[in-house]
Amino acid sequence: MLLESCIRQGAARLAAAQIEEPQREARLLLAHAMGAAPGNLIAFSEQTIGDPSGYFDLVEKRAAHVPYSRIVGKREFWSLDFQLTDDTFDPRPDSEVVVYSALHGIPNKSARLRIADLGTGTGCLLLALLSELQNASGVGIDRNPATAAAAAANAVKLGLRSRADFIVSDWGLPLSGKFDLIVSNPPYISTSAIRELAPDVRLHEPILALDGGDDGLDAYRAVAPDLARLLVPGGLAAIEVGIVQAVSVTEILEAAGLTVTSIDRDLSGVDRCIVCRRR
């Protein structure tokens, strides 16, 4: 079967399932099935594939709203590959602003910094920062043992395990000492709004990574005292927030004794990251 025909039929199936950008997704799935670079399919569209059944199996998974990243088992974040499991939240490009904001607020990037990542998931925030801060070390916290184990496995794959520890607990509860930098992407969807999420998210993301309580702010109320307790004087925290939550989270952080220094936007122009310091 011609590659071009595979892509055309796959895209038609995905379009019928209301998958956005069906042509692009069909091409990505075919490239994955063939173990090829997606760009090569355009140049060799007149070539054939002997048995396209594996490809069409992937198309059916995507048509059932299994995200592409779940199908291939990984997601690129900060130009690093993170392996996904059923227990890890799929990192979004929007969250890269947390890494950017944290790095922007560090005056001496060669210092021996101590970093905490509260609700680490895949470990993407902590490990992205460690990849940039060569003398830093850090700890990631997650309440799910399987999630913490997945983050540790990502650290091994990225060659960062010697500088990253992972602990199973709630937020900053088990931590002591002081940290120069704390990052977090906590769950911030209100419980009632979860059922309104796109099926790609609602059906395939771990509920612990989504549910932020009745108003979506429970995690921030839990995290704020930890930030004030664990940061060194003048220490920095970069915290991801949901759409229209920046004002409410700012109030929570300031009530805990922190000073909000900026609210940074993601690539879509949404207020996405609150940067604060310990007074």
Protein backbone atom coordinates (compact mmCIF):
# COMPACT_ATOMS: atom_id res chain seq x y z
CA MET A 1 0.00 0.00 0.00
CA LEU A 2 1.34 3.43 -0.92
CA LEU A 3 2.41 5.60 2.03
CA GLU A 4 0.36 8.42 0.57
CA SER A 5 -2.74 6.22 0.60
CA CYS A 6 -2.06 5.17 4.18
CA ILE A 7 -1.87 8.76 5.30
CA ARG A 8 -5.00 9.71 3.37
CA GLN A 9 -7.07 6.87 4.80
CA GLY A 10 -5.70 7.39 8.29
CA ALA A 11 -6.43 11.11 8.18
CA ALA A 12 -9.99 10.44 7.03
CA ARG A 13 -10.55 8.11 9.99
CA LEU A 14 -9.11 10.63 12.43
CA ALA A 15 -11.14 13.47 10.94
CA ALA A 16 -14.31 11.39 11.38
CA ALA A 17 -13.35 10.97 15.05
CA GLN A 18 -12.92 14.77 15.35
CA ILE A 19 -9.20 14.62 15.97
CA GLU A 20 -7.59 18.00 15.32
CA GLU A 21 -4.99 18.18 12.54
CA PRO A 22 -5.82 14.68 11.26
CA GLN A 23 -3.34 14.82 8.36
CA ARG A 24 -0.46 15.69 10.66
CA GLU A 25 -1.41 13.04 13.20
CA ALA A 26 -1.80 10.38 10.54
CA ARG A 27 1.68 11.17 9.25
CA LEU A 28 3.17 11.03 12.75
CA LEU A 29 1.52 7.68 13.44
CA LEU A 30 2.74 6.20 10.17
CA ALA A 31 6.27 7.43 10.85
CA HIS A 32 6.16 5.84 14.30
CA ALA A 33 4.84 2.57 12.90
CA MET A 34 7.67 2.50 10.35
CA GLY A 35 10.38 3.74 12.71
CA ALA A 36 11.04 6.65 10.36
CA ALA A 37 11.32 10.42 10.65
CA PRO A 38 8.00 12.12 9.78
CA GLY A 39 9.70 14.40 7.26
CA ASN A 40 10.88 11.40 5.27
CA LEU A 41 7.32 10.36 4.51
CA ILE A 42 6.76 13.46 2.42
CA ALA A 43 9.83 12.81 0.30
CA PHE A 44 9.00 9.11 -0.14
CA SER A 45 5.20 9.24 -0.35
CA GLU A 46 5.26 7.05 -3.48
CA GLN A 47 6.91 4.21 -1.58
CA THR A 48 4.86 1.30 -0.28
CA ILE A 49 4.46 -0.41 3.07
CA GLY A 50 4.10 -4.18 2.97
CA ASP A 51 1.69 -4.64 5.88
CA PRO A 52 -0.05 -1.46 7.07
CA SER A 53 -2.17 -3.24 9.71
CA GLY A 54 0.04 -2.08 12.59
CA TYR A 55 -0.33 1.49 11.41
CA PHE A 56 -4.10 1.26 11.17
CA ASP A 57 -4.19 -0.23 14.68
CA LEU A 58 -2.47 2.94 15.88
CA VAL A 59 -4.96 5.06 13.93
CA GLU A 60 -7.82 3.31 15.73
CA LYS A 61 -6.21 4.01 19.10
CA ARG A 62 -5.90 7.68 18.23
CA ALA A 63 -9.48 7.73 16.91
CA ALA A 64 -10.49 6.48 20.38
CA HIS A 65 -8.81 9.65 21.73
CA VAL A 66 -5.72 8.00 23.14
CA PRO A 67 -3.23 10.89 22.89
CA TYR A 68 -0.35 10.51 20.45
CA SER A 69 2.16 10.85 23.29
CA ARG A 70 0.48 7.96 25.12
CA ILE A 71 0.61 5.82 22.01
CA VAL A 72 4.34 6.35 21.53
CA GLY A 73 4.99 6.39 25.28
CA LYS A 74 6.97 9.60 25.51
CA ARG A 75 6.80 13.39 25.37
CA GLU A 76 9.45 15.94 24.52
CA PHE A 77 9.75 18.70 27.12
CA TRP A 78 12.50 21.33 27.20
CA SER A 79 14.13 19.40 24.32
CA LEU A 80 14.39 16.30 26.53
CA ASP A 81 12.49 13.03 26.06
CA PHE A 82 10.36 11.93 29.02
CA GLN A 83 8.90 8.45 29.17
CA LEU A 84 5.22 8.32 30.11
CA THR A 85 3.33 5.73 32.13
CA ASP A 86 -0.33 5.44 33.12
CA ASP A 87 0.64 7.08 36.43
CA THR A 88 2.33 10.18 35.01
CA PHE A 89 0.77 13.38 33.76
CA ASP A 90 1.69 14.14 30.16
CA PRO A 91 3.85 17.32 30.26
CA ARG A 92 2.53 20.21 28.16
CA PRO A 93 4.56 22.86 26.35
CA ASP A 94 2.72 25.46 28.47
CA SER A 95 4.60 24.21 31.52
CA GLU A 96 7.96 25.12 30.01
CA VAL A 97 7.33 28.68 31.20
CA VAL A 98 7.86 27.39 34.75
CA VAL A 99 11.39 26.28 33.82
CA TYR A 100 12.04 29.52 31.96
CA SER A 101 10.79 31.67 34.86
CA ALA A 102 12.84 29.73 37.38
CA LEU A 103 16.03 30.04 35.33
CA HIS A 104 15.38 33.72 34.71
CA GLY A 105 15.17 34.35 38.45
CA ILE A 106 18.47 32.66 39.33
CA PRO A 107 21.35 35.17 39.31
CA ASN A 108 24.17 32.61 39.62
CA LYS A 109 23.47 29.53 37.52
CA SER A 110 26.75 27.88 38.50
CA ALA A 111 25.89 27.92 42.21
CA ARG A 112 25.28 24.71 44.16
CA LEU A 113 21.54 25.21 44.30
CA ARG A 114 19.07 22.96 46.08
CA ILE A 115 15.77 22.46 44.23
CA ALA A 116 12.44 20.88 45.21
CA ASP A 117 9.70 19.85 42.79
CA LEU A 118 6.36 19.37 44.55
CA GLY A 119 4.13 16.96 42.63
CA THR A 120 6.89 15.88 40.29
CA GLY A 121 4.98 13.62 37.85
CA THR A 122 7.44 12.61 35.11
CA GLY A 123 10.07 14.74 36.85
CA CYS A 124 10.06 17.10 33.87
CA LEU A 125 10.38 20.38 35.80
CA LEU A 126 13.14 19.21 38.12
CA LEU A 127 15.09 17.34 35.45
CA ALA A 128 14.84 20.16 32.91
CA LEU A 129 16.28 22.52 35.53
CA LEU A 130 19.06 20.11 36.46
CA SER A 131 19.98 19.81 32.79
CA GLU A 132 20.60 23.58 32.76
CA LEU A 133 22.07 24.00 36.25
CA GLN A 134 25.11 21.76 36.29
CA ASN A 135 25.94 22.19 39.98
CA ALA A 136 22.39 21.96 41.30
CA SER A 137 20.74 18.97 42.94
CA GLY A 138 17.12 18.36 43.73
CA VAL A 139 14.31 16.26 45.09
CA GLY A 140 10.96 15.45 43.50
CA ILE A 141 7.92 14.66 45.63
CA ASP A 142 4.88 12.70 44.50
CA ARG A 143 2.15 10.98 46.46
CA ASN A 144 1.94 8.03 44.04
CA PRO A 145 4.80 5.52 44.41
CA ALA A 146 4.49 4.45 40.76
CA THR A 147 4.75 8.06 39.62
CA ALA A 148 7.83 8.72 41.73
CA ALA A 149 9.40 5.55 40.31
CA ALA A 150 8.66 6.73 36.75
CA ALA A 151 10.32 10.08 37.49
CA ALA A 152 13.38 8.28 38.86
CA ALA A 153 13.53 6.18 35.69
CA ASN A 154 13.45 9.34 33.60
CA ALA A 155 16.31 10.73 35.65
CA VAL A 156 18.34 7.59 34.89
CA LYS A 157 17.61 7.81 31.15
CA LEU A 158 18.66 11.46 31.10
CA GLY A 159 21.86 10.84 33.07
CA LEU A 160 20.70 12.98 36.00
CA ARG A 161 19.95 10.38 38.68
CA SER A 162 23.08 11.24 40.69
CA ARG A 163 21.68 14.71 41.33
CA ALA A 164 17.99 13.87 41.74
CA ASP A 165 16.18 12.05 44.55
CA PHE A 166 12.50 11.14 44.57
CA ILE A 167 10.29 10.77 47.63
CA VAL A 168 6.74 9.47 48.03
CA SER A 169 4.71 11.89 50.15
CA ASP A 170 2.29 14.82 50.05
CA TRP A 171 3.85 18.06 48.87
CA GLY A 172 6.67 19.33 51.09
CA LEU A 173 5.65 17.45 54.22
CA PRO A 174 8.76 15.20 54.49
CA LEU A 175 11.29 17.87 53.54
CA SER A 176 13.58 19.68 55.93
CA GLY A 177 16.35 22.16 55.50
CA LYS A 178 16.16 25.01 53.04
CA PHE A 179 15.84 25.19 49.28
CA ASP A 180 17.00 27.88 46.88
CA LEU A 181 14.29 27.06 44.35
CA ILE A 182 10.93 25.29 44.48
CA VAL A 183 8.81 24.49 41.44
CA SER A 184 5.40 22.90 41.15
CA ASN A 185 2.69 22.09 38.65
CA PRO A 186 -0.09 20.99 41.00
CA PRO A 187 -3.57 19.73 40.03
CA TYR A 188 -5.77 22.77 39.43
CA ILE A 189 -8.94 21.60 37.68
CA SER A 190 -12.05 21.92 39.83
CA THR A 191 -13.67 18.56 40.54
CA SER A 192 -16.89 19.47 38.73
CA ALA A 193 -15.02 20.67 35.62
CA ILE A 194 -13.15 17.40 35.08
CA ARG A 195 -16.12 15.82 33.32
CA GLU A 196 -16.08 18.70 30.82
CA LEU A 197 -12.47 18.14 29.77
CA ALA A 198 -11.59 16.81 26.32
CA PRO A 199 -11.63 12.98 26.25
CA ASP A 200 -7.89 12.94 25.50
CA VAL A 201 -7.37 14.45 28.96
CA ARG A 202 -10.36 13.16 30.92
CA LEU A 203 -9.89 9.53 29.95
CA HIS A 204 -6.11 9.25 29.87
CA GLU A 205 -4.60 11.50 32.55
CA PRO A 206 -4.29 10.29 36.15
CA ILE A 207 -7.02 11.84 38.25
CA LEU A 208 -4.53 12.78 40.98
CA ALA A 209 -2.81 15.09 38.49
CA LEU A 210 -6.07 16.84 37.56
CA ASP A 211 -8.37 17.19 40.57
CA GLY A 212 -7.76 20.41 42.46
CA GLY A 213 -10.83 20.18 44.68
CA ASP A 214 -14.10 22.09 44.64
CA ASP A 215 -12.58 25.36 43.38
CA GLY A 216 -9.35 23.98 41.90
CA LEU A 217 -7.23 25.68 44.56
CA ASP A 218 -6.76 22.96 47.19
CA ALA A 219 -3.19 22.17 46.16
CA TYR A 220 -2.12 25.82 46.35
CA ARG A 221 -3.48 26.08 49.89
CA ALA A 222 -1.43 23.01 50.80
CA VAL A 223 1.74 24.12 49.00
CA ALA A 224 1.91 27.76 50.12
CA PRO A 225 2.94 27.04 53.75
CA ASP A 226 5.60 24.61 52.49
CA LEU A 227 7.08 27.31 50.27
CA ALA A 228 7.31 29.75 53.15
CA ARG A 229 8.84 27.08 55.41
CA LEU A 230 11.31 25.54 52.98
CA LEU A 231 12.69 28.45 50.94
CA VAL A 232 15.87 30.19 52.02
CA PRO A 233 15.40 33.93 52.69
CA GLY A 234 14.97 35.46 49.24
CA GLY A 235 14.52 31.98 47.75
CA LEU A 236 12.46 31.62 44.58
CA ALA A 237 9.36 29.60 43.76
CA ALA A 238 7.79 29.19 40.30
CA ILE A 239 4.28 27.72 40.39
CA GLU A 240 2.05 26.83 37.46
CA VAL A 241 -1.58 27.98 37.60
CA GLY A 242 -4.67 27.38 35.51
CA ILE A 243 -6.50 29.92 33.38
CA VAL A 244 -8.00 32.79 35.48
CA GLN A 245 -6.42 31.45 38.69
CA ALA A 246 -3.49 33.87 38.94
CA VAL A 247 -5.26 36.41 41.17
CA SER A 248 -6.62 33.81 43.59
CA VAL A 249 -3.31 31.95 43.85
CA THR A 250 -1.44 35.23 44.36
CA GLU A 251 -3.68 35.95 47.35
CA ILE A 252 -3.00 32.49 48.79
CA LEU A 253 0.76 32.86 48.40
CA GLU A 254 0.91 36.36 49.85
CA ALA A 255 -1.23 35.30 52.82
CA ALA A 256 1.43 32.65 53.54
CA GLY A 257 4.12 35.32 53.75
CA LEU A 258 5.52 35.21 50.22
CA THR A 259 6.07 38.13 47.85
CA VAL A 260 4.82 37.63 44.30
CA THR A 261 7.32 39.22 41.91
CA SER A 262 5.80 38.36 38.53
CA ILE A 263 3.04 36.50 36.74
CA ASP A 264 4.50 35.05 33.56
CA ARG A 265 2.60 34.05 30.44
CA ASP A 266 2.91 30.91 28.36
CA LEU A 267 3.32 30.91 24.58
CA SER A 268 -0.44 31.33 24.16
CA GLY A 269 -0.42 34.52 26.23
CA VAL A 270 -2.14 32.92 29.24
CA ASP A 271 -1.05 33.85 32.78
CA ARG A 272 0.55 30.51 33.58
CA CYS A 273 3.34 30.85 36.14
CA ILE A 274 3.47 32.79 39.41
CA VAL A 275 6.96 33.66 40.59
CA CYS A 276 7.35 34.49 44.26
CA ARG A 277 10.07 34.86 46.87
CA ARG A 278 10.29 34.31 50.57
CA ARG A 279 10.41 37.62 52.40
